[in-house]
PDB file of N, CA and C in Angstrom:
ATOM      1  N   MET A   1      87.582  86.309  73.001  1.00  0.00           N
ATOM      2  CA  MET A   1      88.678  86.280  73.094  1.00  0.00           C
ATOM      3  C   MET A   1      89.147  85.946  74.425  1.00  0.00           C
ATOM      4  N   ASN A   2      90.523  85.581  74.738  1.00  0.00           N
ATOM      5  CA  ASN A   2      90.600  84.615  76.015  1.00  0.00           C
ATOM      6  C   ASN A   2      90.977  85.682  77.273  1.00  0.00           C
ATOM      7  N   ALA A   3      91.249  84.964  78.133  1.00  0.00           N
ATOM      8  CA  ALA A   3      91.707  86.579  79.910  1.00  0.00           C
ATOM      9  C   ALA A   3      93.091  86.691  79.209  1.00  0.00           C
ATOM     10  N   GLU A   4      94.268  86.069  78.894  1.00  0.00           N
ATOM     11  CA  GLU A   4      95.353  86.589  78.110  1.00  0.00           C
ATOM     12  C   GLU A   4      95.481  87.464  76.980  1.00  0.00           C
ATOM     13  N   ASP A   5      94.908  87.355  76.087  1.00  0.00           N
ATOM     14  CA  ASP A   5      94.483  88.147  75.243  1.00  0.00           C
ATOM     15  C   ASP A   5      93.992  89.960  75.556  1.00  0.00           C
ATOM     16  N   GLN A   6      93.095  89.097  76.485  1.00  0.00           N
ATOM     17  CA  GLN A   6      92.179  90.526  76.586  1.00  0.00           C
ATOM     18  C   GLN A   6      93.477  91.674  77.952  1.00  0.00           C
ATOM     19  N   GLN A   7      94.226  91.042  78.722  1.00  0.00           N
ATOM     20  CA  GLN A   7      94.995  91.429  79.850  1.00  0.00           C
ATOM     21  C   GLN A   7      96.231  92.148  78.678  1.00  0.00           C
ATOM     22  N   LEU A   8      96.613  91.749  77.589  1.00  0.00           N
ATOM     23  CA  LEU A   8      97.483  92.117  76.878  1.00  0.00           C
ATOM     24  C   LEU A   8      97.201  93.219  75.928  1.00  0.00           C
ATOM     25  N   GLU A   9      95.662  93.127  75.830  1.00  0.00           N
ATOM     26  CA  GLU A   9      95.372  94.627  75.266  1.00  0.00           C
ATOM     27  C   GLU A   9      95.152  95.607  76.401  1.00  0.00           C
ATOM     28  N   ASP A  10      94.110  95.558  77.660  1.00  0.00           N
ATOM     29  CA  ASP A  10      94.227  96.376  78.375  1.00  0.00           C
ATOM     30  C   ASP A  10      95.626  96.596  78.847  1.00  0.00           C
ATOM     31  N   LEU A  11      97.010  96.410  78.530  1.00  0.00           N
ATOM     32  CA  LEU A  11      98.279  96.818  78.658  1.00  0.00           C
ATOM     33  C   LEU A  11      98.877  97.271  77.538  1.00  0.00           C
ATOM     34  N   ARG A  12      98.373  96.914  76.605  1.00  0.00           N
ATOM     35  CA  ARG A  12      98.635  97.489  75.225  1.00  0.00           C
ATOM     36  C   ARG A  12      98.196  99.160  75.369  1.00  0.00           C
ATOM     37  N   ALA A  13      96.871  99.408  75.964  1.00  0.00           N
ATOM     38  CA  ALA A  13      96.164 100.595  76.322  1.00  0.00           C
ATOM     39  C   ALA A  13      97.151 101.660  77.335  1.00  0.00           C
ATOM     40  N   LEU A  14      97.159 100.826  78.316  1.00  0.00           N
ATOM     41  CA  LEU A  14      97.927 101.213  79.402  1.00  0.00           C
ATOM     42  C   LEU A  14      99.250 102.217  78.902  1.00  0.00           C
ATOM     43  N   VAL A  15      99.884 100.879  78.544  1.00  0.00           N
ATOM     44  CA  VAL A  15     101.347 101.654  78.069  1.00  0.00           C
ATOM     45  C   VAL A  15     101.401 102.722  76.904  1.00  0.00           C
ATOM     46  N   ALA A  16     100.429 102.677  76.068  1.00  0.00           N
ATOM     47  CA  ALA A  16     100.168 103.343  75.093  1.00  0.00           C
ATOM     48  C   ALA A  16      99.711 105.112  75.685  1.00  0.00           C
ATOM     49  N   GLU A  17      98.939 105.165  76.756  1.00  0.00           N
ATOM     50  CA  GLU A  17      98.938 105.830  77.045  1.00  0.00           C
ATOM     51  C   GLU A  17      99.928 106.578  77.580  1.00  0.00           C
ATOM     52  N   VAL A  18     100.666 106.302  78.524  1.00  0.00           N
ATOM     53  CA  VAL A  18     102.062 106.576  78.871  1.00  0.00           C
ATOM     54  C   VAL A  18     103.259 106.777  77.864  1.00  0.00           C
ATOM     55  N   LEU A  19     102.985 106.670  76.789  1.00  0.00           N
ATOM     56  CA  LEU A  19     103.874 106.756  76.124  1.00  0.00           C
ATOM     57  C   LEU A  19     102.913 107.840  74.739  1.00  0.00           C
ATOM     58  N   GLU A  20     102.042 108.336  74.978  1.00  0.00           N
ATOM     59  CA  GLU A  20     101.468 109.132  74.083  1.00  0.00           C
ATOM     60  C   GLU A  20     101.682 108.597  72.616  1.00  0.00           C
ATOM     61  N   VAL A  21     100.852 107.680  72.688  1.00  0.00           N
ATOM     62  CA  VAL A  21     100.826 106.982  71.349  1.00  0.00           C
ATOM     63  C   VAL A  21      99.446 106.363  71.079  1.00  0.00           C
ATOM     64  N   GLU A  22      98.922 106.354  70.230  1.00  0.00           N
ATOM     65  CA  GLU A  22      97.489 105.349  69.732  1.00  0.00           C
ATOM     66  C   GLU A  22      97.805 103.746  70.467  1.00  0.00           C
ATOM     67  N   PRO A  23      96.804 103.399  70.834  1.00  0.00           N
ATOM     68  CA  PRO A  23      97.250 101.580  70.706  1.00  0.00           C
ATOM     69  C   PRO A  23      97.898 100.679  70.016  1.00  0.00           C
ATOM     70  N   GLU A  24      96.818 100.850  68.831  1.00  0.00           N
ATOM     71  CA  GLU A  24      97.324 100.225  67.342  1.00  0.00           C
ATOM     72  C   GLU A  24      98.537 100.185  67.122  1.00  0.00           C
ATOM     73  N   GLU A  25      99.331 101.477  67.687  1.00  0.00           N
ATOM     74  CA  GLU A  25     100.392 102.233  67.149  1.00  0.00           C
ATOM     75  C   GLU A  25     101.543 101.642  67.760  1.00  0.00           C
ATOM     76  N   LEU A  26     101.062 100.573  68.729  1.00  0.00           N
ATOM     77  CA  LEU A  26     102.229 100.225  69.897  1.00  0.00           C
ATOM     78  C   LEU A  26     102.495  98.682  69.522  1.00  0.00           C
ATOM     79  N   THR A  27     103.330  98.242  68.842  1.00  0.00           N
ATOM     80  CA  THR A  27     103.500  96.858  68.439  1.00  0.00           C
ATOM     81  C   THR A  27     103.955  95.954  69.779  1.00  0.00           C
ATOM     82  N   ASP A  28     104.128  94.792  69.672  1.00  0.00           N
ATOM     83  CA  ASP A  28     104.399  93.809  70.525  1.00  0.00           C
ATOM     84  C   ASP A  28     105.893  93.862  70.719  1.00  0.00           C
ATOM     85  N   THR A  29     106.559  94.155  69.716  1.00  0.00           N
ATOM     86  CA  THR A  29     108.179  93.981  69.781  1.00  0.00           C
ATOM     87  C   THR A  29     108.844  95.356  69.518  1.00  0.00           C
ATOM     88  N   GLY A  30     108.197  96.365  69.494  1.00  0.00           N
ATOM     89  CA  GLY A  30     108.763  97.524  69.223  1.00  0.00           C
ATOM     90  C   GLY A  30     109.648  98.364  70.587  1.00  0.00           C
ATOM     91  N   ASP A  31     110.995  98.307  70.447  1.00  0.00           N
ATOM     92  CA  ASP A  31     111.635  98.970  71.466  1.00  0.00           C
ATOM     93  C   ASP A  31     110.677 100.461  72.149  1.00  0.00           C
ATOM     94  N   PHE A  32     110.642 100.535  73.551  1.00  0.00           N
ATOM     95  CA  PHE A  32     110.284 101.319  73.974  1.00  0.00           C
ATOM     96  C   PHE A  32     110.870 102.981  73.730  1.00  0.00           C
ATOM     97  N   MET A  33     112.017 102.617  74.196  1.00  0.00           N
ATOM     98  CA  MET A  33     113.027 103.248  73.932  1.00  0.00           C
ATOM     99  C   MET A  33     113.267 104.091  72.487  1.00  0.00           C
ATOM    100  N   GLU A  34     113.655 102.723  71.619  1.00  0.00           N
ATOM    101  CA  GLU A  34     113.992 103.489  70.331  1.00  0.00           C
ATOM    102  C   GLU A  34     113.331 104.010  69.822  1.00  0.00           C
ATOM    103  N   GLU A  35     111.725 103.149  69.790  1.00  0.00           N
ATOM    104  CA  GLU A  35     110.793 103.339  68.834  1.00  0.00           C
ATOM    105  C   GLU A  35     109.904 104.620  68.896  1.00  0.00           C
ATOM    106  N   TYR A  36     109.590 104.146  70.410  1.00  0.00           N
ATOM    107  CA  TYR A  36     108.719 105.490  71.119  1.00  0.00           C
ATOM    108  C   TYR A  36     109.660 106.405  71.889  1.00  0.00           C
ATOM    109  N   GLU A  37     110.459 106.545  71.656  1.00  0.00           N
ATOM    110  CA  GLU A  37     111.403 107.534  72.685  1.00  0.00           C
ATOM    111  C   GLU A  37     110.939 108.160  73.960  1.00  0.00           C
ATOM    112  N   ALA A  38     110.309 106.783  74.626  1.00  0.00           N
ATOM    113  CA  ALA A  38     110.414 106.502  76.117  1.00  0.00           C
ATOM    114  C   ALA A  38     111.825 107.109  76.728  1.00  0.00           C
ATOM    115  N   ASP A  39     111.208 107.517  78.381  1.00  0.00           N
ATOM    116  CA  ASP A  39     112.598 107.830  78.927  1.00  0.00           C
ATOM    117  C   ASP A  39     112.612 106.823  80.223  1.00  0.00           C
ATOM    118  N   SER A  40     113.932 107.071  81.035  1.00  0.00           N
ATOM    119  CA  SER A  40     113.401 106.443  82.213  1.00  0.00           C
ATOM    120  C   SER A  40     112.277 107.167  83.242  1.00  0.00           C
ATOM    121  N   LEU A  41     111.827 108.049  83.535  1.00  0.00           N
ATOM    122  CA  LEU A  41     110.499 108.164  84.185  1.00  0.00           C
ATOM    123  C   LEU A  41     109.575 107.451  83.303  1.00  0.00           C
ATOM    124  N   ARG A  42     109.137 107.244  81.968  1.00  0.00           N
ATOM    125  CA  ARG A  42     107.882 106.480  81.666  1.00  0.00           C
ATOM    126  C   ARG A  42     108.269 105.190  81.918  1.00  0.00           C
ATOM    127  N   ALA A  43     109.001 104.781  82.066  1.00  0.00           N
ATOM    128  CA  ALA A  43     109.453 103.287  82.180  1.00  0.00           C
ATOM    129  C   ALA A  43     108.942 103.040  83.605  1.00  0.00           C
ATOM    130  N   ILE A  44     109.467 104.171  84.673  1.00  0.00           N
ATOM    131  CA  ILE A  44     108.480 104.007  86.240  1.00  0.00           C
ATOM    132  C   ILE A  44     107.526 103.978  86.243  1.00  0.00           C
ATOM    133  N   GLU A  45     106.988 104.896  85.593  1.00  0.00           N
ATOM    134  CA  GLU A  45     105.110 105.395  85.490  1.00  0.00           C
ATOM    135  C   GLU A  45     104.461 103.786  84.891  1.00  0.00           C
ATOM    136  N   ILE A  46     105.219 103.247  83.664  1.00  0.00           N
ATOM    137  CA  ILE A  46     104.754 102.154  83.201  1.00  0.00           C
ATOM    138  C   ILE A  46     104.550 101.082  84.625  1.00  0.00           C
ATOM    139  N   LEU A  47     105.240 101.267  85.237  1.00  0.00           N
ATOM    140  CA  LEU A  47     105.413 100.166  86.214  1.00  0.00           C
ATOM    141  C   LEU A  47     104.745 100.384  87.480  1.00  0.00           C
ATOM    142  N   ALA A  48     104.162 102.153  88.093  1.00  0.00           N
ATOM    143  CA  ALA A  48     103.262 102.192  88.902  1.00  0.00           C
ATOM    144  C   ALA A  48     102.392 101.960  88.021  1.00  0.00           C
ATOM    145  N   ARG A  49     101.982 102.345  87.092  1.00  0.00           N
ATOM    146  CA  ARG A  49     100.305 101.887  86.597  1.00  0.00           C
ATOM    147  C   ARG A  49      99.974 100.178  86.843  1.00  0.00           C
ATOM    148  N   LEU A  50     101.556  99.724  86.382  1.00  0.00           N
ATOM    149  CA  LEU A  50     100.807  98.213  86.468  1.00  0.00           C
ATOM    150  C   LEU A  50     100.440  97.758  87.837  1.00  0.00           C
ATOM    151  N   ASP A  51     101.379  98.498  88.502  1.00  0.00           N
ATOM    152  CA  ASP A  51     101.068  98.312  90.197  1.00  0.00           C
ATOM    153  C   ASP A  51      99.508  98.308  90.453  1.00  0.00           C
ATOM    154  N   LYS A  52      99.347  99.832  89.772  1.00  0.00           N
ATOM    155  CA  LYS A  52      97.665 100.209  90.201  1.00  0.00           C
ATOM    156  C   LYS A  52      96.522  99.527  89.247  1.00  0.00           C
ATOM    157  N   GLN A  53      96.586  99.422  88.448  1.00  0.00           N
ATOM    158  CA  GLN A  53      95.828  98.826  87.478  1.00  0.00           C
ATOM    159  C   GLN A  53      95.808  97.161  87.871  1.00  0.00           C
ATOM    160  N   PHE A  54      96.636  96.713  87.869  1.00  0.00           N
ATOM    161  CA  PHE A  54      96.932  94.982  87.613  1.00  0.00           C
ATOM    162  C   PHE A  54      97.545  94.517  89.093  1.00  0.00           C
ATOM    163  N   LYS A  55      97.330  95.154  89.889  1.00  0.00           N
ATOM    164  CA  LYS A  55      97.837  94.790  91.470  1.00  0.00           C
ATOM    165  C   LYS A  55      99.088  93.664  91.289  1.00  0.00           C
ATOM    166  N   VAL A  56      99.994  94.056  91.206  1.00  0.00           N
ATOM    167  CA  VAL A  56     101.409  93.609  90.357  1.00  0.00           C
ATOM    168  C   VAL A  56     102.716  94.298  90.804  1.00  0.00           C
ATOM    169  N   GLU A  57     103.586  93.754  91.623  1.00  0.00           N
ATOM    170  CA  GLU A  57     104.264  94.563  92.012  1.00  0.00           C
ATOM    171  C   GLU A  57     106.015  94.166  90.687  1.00  0.00           C
ATOM    172  N   ILE A  58     106.240  94.512  90.141  1.00  0.00           N
ATOM    173  CA  ILE A  58     107.600  94.323  89.298  1.00  0.00           C
ATOM    174  C   ILE A  58     108.634  95.236  89.913  1.00  0.00           C
ATOM    175  N   PRO A  59     109.767  94.691  89.954  1.00  0.00           N
ATOM    176  CA  PRO A  59     110.842  95.235  90.595  1.00  0.00           C
ATOM    177  C   PRO A  59     111.415  96.393  89.866  1.00  0.00           C
ATOM    178  N   GLN A  60     111.838  97.729  90.060  1.00  0.00           N
ATOM    179  CA  GLN A  60     112.813  98.193  89.257  1.00  0.00           C
ATOM    180  C   GLN A  60     113.724  97.873  88.447  1.00  0.00           C
ATOM    181  N   ALA A  61     114.700  96.718  89.133  1.00  0.00           N
ATOM    182  CA  ALA A  61     115.621  96.634  88.892  1.00  0.00           C
ATOM    183  C   ALA A  61     115.411  95.571  87.414  1.00  0.00           C
ATOM    184  N   GLU A  62     114.027  95.328  87.186  1.00  0.00           N
ATOM    185  CA  GLU A  62     113.930  94.843  86.118  1.00  0.00           C
ATOM    186  C   GLU A  62     113.626  95.761  84.896  1.00  0.00           C
ATOM    187  N   LEU A  63     113.675  96.943  84.845  1.00  0.00           N
ATOM    188  CA  LEU A  63     113.151  97.869  83.861  1.00  0.00           C
ATOM    189  C   LEU A  63     114.530  97.744  82.679  1.00  0.00           C
ATOM    190  N   PRO A  64     115.370  97.403  82.451  1.00  0.00           N
ATOM    191  CA  PRO A  64     116.381  97.599  82.077  1.00  0.00           C
ATOM    192  C   PRO A  64     115.849  96.120  80.509  1.00  0.00           C
ATOM    193  N   GLU A  65     114.949  95.508  81.195  1.00  0.00           N
ATOM    194  CA  GLU A  65     114.217  94.114  80.350  1.00  0.00           C
ATOM    195  C   GLU A  65     113.380  94.938  79.564  1.00  0.00           C
ATOM    196  N   LEU A  66     112.746  95.355  80.747  1.00  0.00           N
ATOM    197  CA  LEU A  66     111.153  95.599  79.957  1.00  0.00           C
ATOM    198  C   LEU A  66     110.979  96.858  78.804  1.00  0.00           C
ATOM    199  N   ARG A  67     111.625  96.304  77.828  1.00  0.00           N
ATOM    200  CA  ARG A  67     111.924  97.157  76.845  1.00  0.00           C
ATOM    201  C   ARG A  67     110.627  97.148  75.751  1.00  0.00           C
ATOM    202  N   ASN A  68     109.978  96.130  75.463  1.00  0.00           N
ATOM    203  CA  ASN A  68     108.405  96.094  74.550  1.00  0.00           C
ATOM    204  C   ASN A  68     107.533  95.400  75.400  1.00  0.00           C
ATOM    205  N   LEU A  69     106.455  95.644  74.678  1.00  0.00           N
ATOM    206  CA  LEU A  69     105.503  95.332  75.369  1.00  0.00           C
ATOM    207  C   LEU A  69     104.892  93.844  75.428  1.00  0.00           C
ATOM    208  N   LYS A  70     105.930  92.924  74.517  1.00  0.00           N
ATOM    209  CA  LYS A  70     105.891  91.199  74.791  1.00  0.00           C
ATOM    210  C   LYS A  70     106.879  91.208  76.074  1.00  0.00           C
ATOM    211  N   ALA A  71     107.795  91.747  76.500  1.00  0.00           N
ATOM    212  CA  ALA A  71     108.870  91.691  77.788  1.00  0.00           C
ATOM    213  C   ALA A  71     107.696  92.519  79.065  1.00  0.00           C
ATOM    214  N   VAL A  72     107.143  93.007  79.200  1.00  0.00           N
ATOM    215  CA  VAL A  72     106.316  94.056  79.833  1.00  0.00           C
ATOM    216  C   VAL A  72     105.303  92.602  80.508  1.00  0.00           C
ATOM    217  N   HIS A  73     104.225  92.311  79.440  1.00  0.00           N
ATOM    218  CA  HIS A  73     103.736  90.797  79.394  1.00  0.00           C
ATOM    219  C   HIS A  73     103.999  90.325  80.013  1.00  0.00           C
ATOM    220  N   ALA A  74     105.201  89.368  79.600  1.00  0.00           N
ATOM    221  CA  ALA A  74     105.846  88.388  80.282  1.00  0.00           C
ATOM    222  C   ALA A  74     106.250  88.466  81.686  1.00  0.00           C
ATOM    223  N   ALA A  75     106.488  89.540  82.248  1.00  0.00           N
ATOM    224  CA  ALA A  75     107.049  90.179  83.631  1.00  0.00           C
ATOM    225  C   ALA A  75     105.652  90.415  84.767  1.00  0.00           C
ATOM    226  N   LEU A  76     104.856  90.555  83.825  1.00  0.00           N
ATOM    227  CA  LEU A  76     103.301  91.085  84.553  1.00  0.00           C
ATOM    228  C   LEU A  76     102.800  89.288  84.935  1.00  0.00           C
ATOM    229  N   ILE A  77     102.972  88.393  83.948  1.00  0.00           N
ATOM    230  CA  ILE A  77     102.830  87.696  83.776  1.00  0.00           C
ATOM    231  C   ILE A  77     103.045  86.365  84.936  1.00  0.00           C
ATOM    232  N   ARG A  78     104.538  86.799  84.707  1.00  0.00           N
ATOM    233  CA  ARG A  78     105.521  85.897  86.053  1.00  0.00           C
ATOM    234  C   ARG A  78     105.574  86.407  87.091  1.00  0.00           C
ATOM    235  N   HIS A  79     105.325  87.851  87.371  1.00  0.00           N
ATOM    236  CA  HIS A  79     104.959  88.621  89.314  1.00  0.00           C
ATOM    237  C   HIS A  79     103.229  87.981  89.356  1.00  0.00           C
ATOM    238  N   SER A  80     102.883  87.671  88.398  1.00  0.00           N
ATOM    239  CA  SER A  80     101.194  87.446  88.498  1.00  0.00           C
ATOM    240  C   SER A  80     101.015  85.874  89.420  1.00  0.00           C
ATOM    241  N   ALA A  81     101.554  85.106  89.135  1.00  0.00           N
ATOM    242  CA  ALA A  81     101.955  83.607  89.149  1.00  0.00           C
ATOM    243  C   ALA A  81     101.835  83.292  90.892  1.00  0.00           C
ATOM    244  N   GLY A  82     100.787  83.091  91.027  1.00  0.00           N
ATOM    245  CA  GLY A  82     100.566  82.433  92.537  1.00  0.00           C
ATOM    246  C   GLY A  82     100.153  83.131  93.175  1.00  0.00           C
ATOM    247  N   ARG A  83      99.677  84.509  92.680  1.00  0.00           N
ATOM    248  CA  ARG A  83      98.527  85.395  93.295  1.00  0.00           C
ATOM    249  C   ARG A  83      97.355  84.877  93.067  1.00  0.00           C
ATOM    250  N   ASN A  84      96.346  85.058  94.349  1.00  0.00           N
ATOM    251  CA  ASN A  84      94.884  84.769  94.419  1.00  0.00           C
ATOM    252  C   ASN A  84      93.956  85.452  93.955  1.00  0.00           C
TER     253      ASN A  84
END
């Protein structure tokens, strides 16, 4: 497993915990709100945990686009770029 795959699996575990589902139930493209009944507070909690675990700050203005695991992972990579 390469570093990016490991990061995605770590992210899956983090998001699954916030959404109170098993990690294997969380698909890459499943809509957090429609399929997992997430609300805005859970979305903010996901951002807070990303900041804590991955040391990356994703602006709350991006929340509307962060609707599934794939989008959150892309934002994580994008905001991690250039960090050492």
